[in-house]
Amino acid sequence: MIQLIGQHRIQWVGMPNGPQTTVFSINSPLKIGNTLQGIGIKFLNDKAGLFTDQSAHLQYAFKKKIGVGVLSIGADLGFVSLGFRGDSVRTSDISEYHNILGDNKIPTTSVAGMSFDMNLGVFYSTQKLYAGISYLHVNNPKVSWGNNIEFKQKGSLFFTGGYNLVIPETKFILKPSTLIKTDMSSVQCDLTGRLEYDNKYWGGLSYRIQDAVVFLAGINISSGLSIGYSYDLPTSQIITVSSGSHEI
């Protein structure tokens, strides 16, 4: 089936210049002879503080049946536009140790640059379990913001895994999963428990270690249409300035 996915996240509501992310993708299976493949296109618009990140990627995956599951090896190839709203930088000193106005590495106008970008991933799934690993920004794309300013997008490594546990003699399926993310200088881990009923309704909790408790719910409406919502309640000091995060 052709799959369309749209996501919008509003993070740390109440915090000035809090992050906002929108992702949209279309993908489809493709069979050439006896070979299973997948193709797609993905768009991203991300804002965090004064930074902007916009990208467009073509997606391809080669699929091979192994045992009772399918192994998928894929890549995203495209372009990323990285920007900085220098005209919104505070003109007052952040502290007595740093003079913003005298720092020629901080743009004073809105700037943006474009670069080639590549992501890679491997994913294995069966009816009962899945596991995957991916690396975003493999080539660490670098853009120029004027004559003496360069900005580099660091790569990020992701691990994920999950299991579908059918509860006997009921229509419930328990779906525990995990997602681990790292940029090689910090690590973040999500632990999730999702309960699905009759392949139609779901709800659950997720804990992002040292960051937030996440409440999530959704419904498979009809004809392949699904909608879901999650709310992040901060467990860190961010709760003093933010009421949480929303994602649909």
Protein backbone atom coordinates (compact mmCIF):
# COMPACT_ATOMS: atom_id res chain seq x y z
CA MET A 1 0.00 0.00 0.00
CA ILE A 2 1.03 3.61 -0.53
CA GLN A 3 1.60 5.23 2.87
CA LEU A 4 1.28 8.92 3.70
CA ILE A 5 2.55 10.14 7.08
CA GLY A 6 2.36 13.63 8.58
CA GLN A 7 3.65 14.66 12.00
CA HIS A 8 3.72 17.99 13.82
CA ARG A 9 5.42 18.54 17.19
CA ILE A 10 5.29 21.63 19.41
CA GLN A 11 7.95 21.27 22.08
CA TRP A 12 8.21 23.01 25.47
CA VAL A 13 5.10 25.17 25.19
CA GLY A 14 5.64 28.46 26.99
CA MET A 15 9.37 28.65 26.32
CA PRO A 16 10.35 31.47 23.91
CA ASN A 17 11.54 30.10 20.56
CA GLY A 18 10.68 26.55 21.65
CA PRO A 19 11.30 23.86 19.00
CA GLN A 20 8.65 23.05 16.40
CA THR A 21 8.97 20.20 13.90
CA THR A 22 6.88 19.16 10.89
CA VAL A 23 7.59 15.99 8.90
CA PHE A 24 5.72 14.70 5.85
CA SER A 25 6.51 11.59 3.83
CA ILE A 26 5.06 9.38 1.09
CA ASN A 27 6.37 5.87 0.50
CA SER A 28 5.36 2.85 -1.51
CA PRO A 29 6.43 -0.77 -2.01
CA LEU A 30 7.97 -1.63 -5.35
CA LYS A 31 8.47 -5.08 -6.83
CA ILE A 32 10.82 -5.66 -9.74
CA GLY A 33 10.82 -9.31 -10.75
CA ASN A 34 11.21 -11.26 -7.52
CA THR A 35 12.93 -8.36 -5.77
CA LEU A 36 11.10 -6.38 -3.07
CA GLN A 37 11.99 -2.69 -2.84
CA GLY A 38 10.61 0.54 -1.43
CA ILE A 39 10.67 4.14 -2.66
CA GLY A 40 9.58 7.39 -1.09
CA ILE A 41 10.05 11.10 -0.52
CA LYS A 42 10.35 12.96 2.78
CA PHE A 43 10.17 16.63 3.77
CA LEU A 44 11.18 18.18 7.10
CA ASN A 45 10.79 21.67 8.56
CA ASP A 46 12.43 22.11 11.96
CA LYS A 47 12.91 25.21 14.12
CA ALA A 48 14.77 25.29 17.44
CA GLY A 49 15.73 28.56 19.05
CA LEU A 50 17.13 30.75 16.27
CA PHE A 51 18.18 27.75 14.15
CA THR A 52 16.19 26.41 11.18
CA ASP A 53 16.54 23.05 9.43
CA GLN A 54 14.65 22.29 6.22
CA SER A 55 15.28 19.22 4.10
CA ALA A 56 13.96 17.10 1.24
CA HIS A 57 15.07 13.51 0.60
CA LEU A 58 14.41 10.77 -1.90
CA GLN A 59 14.18 7.40 -0.13
CA TYR A 60 15.07 3.92 -1.34
CA ALA A 61 15.13 0.52 0.38
CA PHE A 62 16.16 -2.92 -0.78
CA LYS A 63 14.16 -5.67 0.95
CA LYS A 64 14.95 -9.35 1.35
CA LYS A 65 12.98 -12.09 3.09
CA ILE A 66 15.08 -13.76 5.78
CA GLY A 67 13.42 -16.49 7.84
CA VAL A 68 9.94 -15.36 8.91
CA GLY A 69 10.79 -11.68 8.51
CA VAL A 70 12.02 -9.05 6.08
CA LEU A 71 15.38 -7.27 6.14
CA SER A 72 15.33 -3.75 4.73
CA ILE A 73 18.48 -1.78 3.85
CA GLY A 74 17.78 1.81 2.92
CA ALA A 75 19.11 5.29 2.27
CA ASP A 76 17.84 8.86 2.11
CA LEU A 77 19.56 11.12 -0.42
CA GLY A 78 18.73 14.79 -0.65
CA PHE A 79 19.52 18.31 0.44
CA VAL A 80 19.37 20.15 3.74
CA SER A 81 19.03 23.91 4.22
CA LEU A 82 20.45 25.09 7.56
CA GLY A 83 19.75 28.62 8.72
CA PHE A 84 20.15 31.02 11.63
CA ARG A 85 17.97 34.05 12.43
CA GLY A 86 20.79 36.39 13.31
CA ASP A 87 18.52 39.44 13.25
CA SER A 88 16.73 38.02 16.33
CA VAL A 89 19.84 37.61 18.49
CA ARG A 90 19.65 39.47 21.79
CA THR A 91 21.80 42.58 21.50
CA SER A 92 22.56 42.68 25.23
CA ASP A 93 25.40 40.62 26.67
CA ILE A 94 24.44 37.11 27.74
CA SER A 95 26.89 37.37 30.63
CA GLU A 96 29.83 39.40 31.83
CA TYR A 97 32.14 36.85 30.21
CA HIS A 98 30.90 37.13 26.63
CA ASN A 99 30.26 40.13 24.41
CA ILE A 100 27.67 39.16 21.79
CA LEU A 101 28.15 42.32 19.73
CA GLY A 102 31.87 41.70 19.44
CA ASP A 103 31.62 38.06 18.31
CA ASN A 104 32.10 37.87 14.54
CA LYS A 105 31.10 34.17 14.54
CA ILE A 106 27.47 35.07 15.33
CA PRO A 107 25.56 36.29 12.24
CA THR A 108 23.82 39.65 12.57
CA THR A 109 21.29 38.93 9.80
CA SER A 110 19.16 35.94 8.80
CA VAL A 111 21.41 33.50 6.95
CA ALA A 112 21.01 30.06 5.35
CA GLY A 113 23.08 27.60 3.39
CA MET A 114 22.37 24.38 1.49
CA SER A 115 24.30 21.12 1.37
CA PHE A 116 23.98 17.52 0.20
CA ASP A 117 22.72 15.15 2.91
CA MET A 118 22.58 11.38 3.35
CA ASN A 119 20.98 9.02 5.88
CA LEU A 120 21.42 5.23 6.11
CA GLY A 121 19.46 2.52 7.91
CA VAL A 122 18.90 -1.21 8.39
CA PHE A 123 15.59 -2.64 9.67
CA TYR A 124 14.39 -6.18 10.34
CA SER A 125 10.76 -7.04 11.13
CA THR A 126 8.45 -10.00 11.63
CA GLN A 127 4.82 -10.13 12.75
CA LYS A 128 6.00 -10.25 16.37
CA LEU A 129 9.13 -8.11 16.58
CA TYR A 130 11.26 -5.49 14.90
CA ALA A 131 14.72 -3.98 15.33
CA GLY A 132 16.60 -1.29 13.49
CA ILE A 133 19.61 0.99 13.42
CA SER A 134 20.06 4.19 11.44
CA TYR A 135 22.51 7.05 11.08
CA LEU A 136 21.31 10.52 10.14
CA HIS A 137 23.60 13.05 8.43
CA VAL A 138 26.27 10.45 7.60
CA ASN A 139 28.29 13.05 5.70
CA ASN A 140 28.00 15.76 8.42
CA PRO A 141 26.70 18.40 5.95
CA LYS A 142 28.43 21.76 6.21
CA VAL A 143 27.05 25.13 5.09
CA SER A 144 28.57 28.59 4.77
CA TRP A 145 27.01 31.60 6.47
CA GLY A 146 29.10 34.35 4.95
CA ASN A 147 32.82 34.84 4.52
CA ASN A 148 34.04 33.57 7.90
CA ILE A 149 31.21 31.47 9.32
CA GLU A 150 30.62 27.76 8.70
CA PHE A 151 28.04 25.55 10.40
CA LYS A 152 28.15 21.74 10.44
CA GLN A 153 25.20 19.42 11.11
CA LYS A 154 26.37 16.65 13.42
CA GLY A 155 25.40 13.07 12.72
CA SER A 156 23.04 11.12 15.01
CA LEU A 157 22.80 7.39 15.65
CA PHE A 158 19.46 5.67 16.41
CA PHE A 159 18.64 2.20 17.75
CA THR A 160 15.08 0.90 18.00
CA GLY A 161 13.35 -2.35 18.86
CA GLY A 162 9.90 -3.60 19.78
CA TYR A 163 7.78 -6.69 20.37
CA ASN A 164 4.09 -7.53 19.92
CA LEU A 165 2.78 -9.60 22.83
CA VAL A 166 -0.70 -11.03 22.19
CA ILE A 167 -2.69 -11.40 25.41
CA PRO A 168 -4.40 -14.83 25.17
CA GLU A 169 -8.17 -15.02 24.75
CA THR A 170 -8.51 -11.24 24.39
CA LYS A 171 -8.32 -8.66 21.61
CA PHE A 172 -5.46 -6.86 23.37
CA ILE A 173 -1.86 -6.65 22.13
CA LEU A 174 0.86 -5.21 24.36
CA LYS A 175 3.62 -3.49 22.37
CA PRO A 176 6.72 -2.65 24.43
CA SER A 177 9.46 -0.79 22.55
CA THR A 178 12.57 1.30 23.00
CA LEU A 179 14.35 4.07 21.10
CA ILE A 180 17.95 5.11 21.86
CA LYS A 181 19.43 8.26 20.32
CA THR A 182 22.95 9.67 20.47
CA ASP A 183 25.04 12.34 18.77
CA MET A 184 28.18 10.81 20.36
CA SER A 185 28.24 13.52 23.06
CA SER A 186 24.95 12.77 24.78
CA VAL A 187 22.52 9.82 24.90
CA GLN A 188 18.73 9.77 25.22
CA CYS A 189 16.56 6.69 25.77
CA ASP A 190 12.78 6.22 25.42
CA LEU A 191 11.00 3.24 27.01
CA THR A 192 7.42 2.76 25.79
CA GLY A 193 4.49 0.50 26.64
CA ARG A 194 1.57 0.66 24.21
CA LEU A 195 -1.66 -1.33 24.54
CA GLU A 196 -3.75 -1.90 21.41
CA TYR A 197 -7.35 -3.18 21.33
CA ASP A 198 -8.97 -4.94 18.40
CA ASN A 199 -6.43 -3.44 16.00
CA LYS A 200 -8.32 -0.15 16.32
CA TYR A 201 -7.65 1.73 19.56
CA TRP A 202 -4.36 2.25 21.35
CA GLY A 203 -2.96 4.08 24.33
CA GLY A 204 0.10 3.95 26.50
CA LEU A 205 2.95 5.56 28.39
CA SER A 206 6.53 6.34 27.50
CA TYR A 207 9.39 7.45 29.70
CA ARG A 208 12.22 9.49 28.23
CA ILE A 209 14.94 9.08 30.83
CA GLN A 210 15.75 12.31 32.72
CA ASP A 211 13.43 14.27 30.41
CA ALA A 212 9.70 13.49 30.31
CA VAL A 213 6.78 11.14 30.83
CA VAL A 214 4.76 10.78 27.62
CA PHE A 215 1.03 9.99 27.41
CA LEU A 216 -0.13 8.72 24.02
CA ALA A 217 -3.38 7.60 22.40
CA GLY A 218 -4.79 7.00 18.94
CA ILE A 219 -7.33 5.30 16.73
CA ASN A 220 -7.42 3.51 13.38
CA ILE A 221 -10.50 5.27 11.98
CA SER A 222 -11.30 3.48 8.70
CA SER A 223 -9.94 2.71 5.23
CA GLY A 224 -6.35 2.91 6.45
CA LEU A 225 -6.72 6.33 8.15
CA SER A 226 -5.10 6.62 11.59
CA ILE A 227 -4.62 9.54 13.96
CA GLY A 228 -2.60 9.74 17.15
CA TYR A 229 -1.68 12.29 19.82
CA SER A 230 0.96 12.44 22.52
CA TYR A 231 1.68 14.81 25.42
CA ASP A 232 5.06 15.11 27.10
CA LEU A 233 5.11 16.11 30.77
CA PRO A 234 8.64 17.29 31.65
CA THR A 235 10.37 15.61 34.59
CA SER A 236 13.38 17.95 34.46
CA GLN A 237 13.73 21.59 35.54
CA ILE A 238 12.20 22.59 32.19
CA ILE A 239 8.81 22.11 33.89
CA THR A 240 9.39 25.45 35.65
CA VAL A 241 9.15 27.32 32.33
CA SER A 242 7.11 24.98 30.11
CA SER A 243 3.75 23.21 30.35
CA GLY A 244 5.00 20.36 28.16
CA SER A 245 5.08 19.24 24.53
CA HIS A 246 2.37 18.19 22.07
CA GLU A 247 2.59 15.98 18.99
CA ILE A 248 -0.05 14.87 16.50
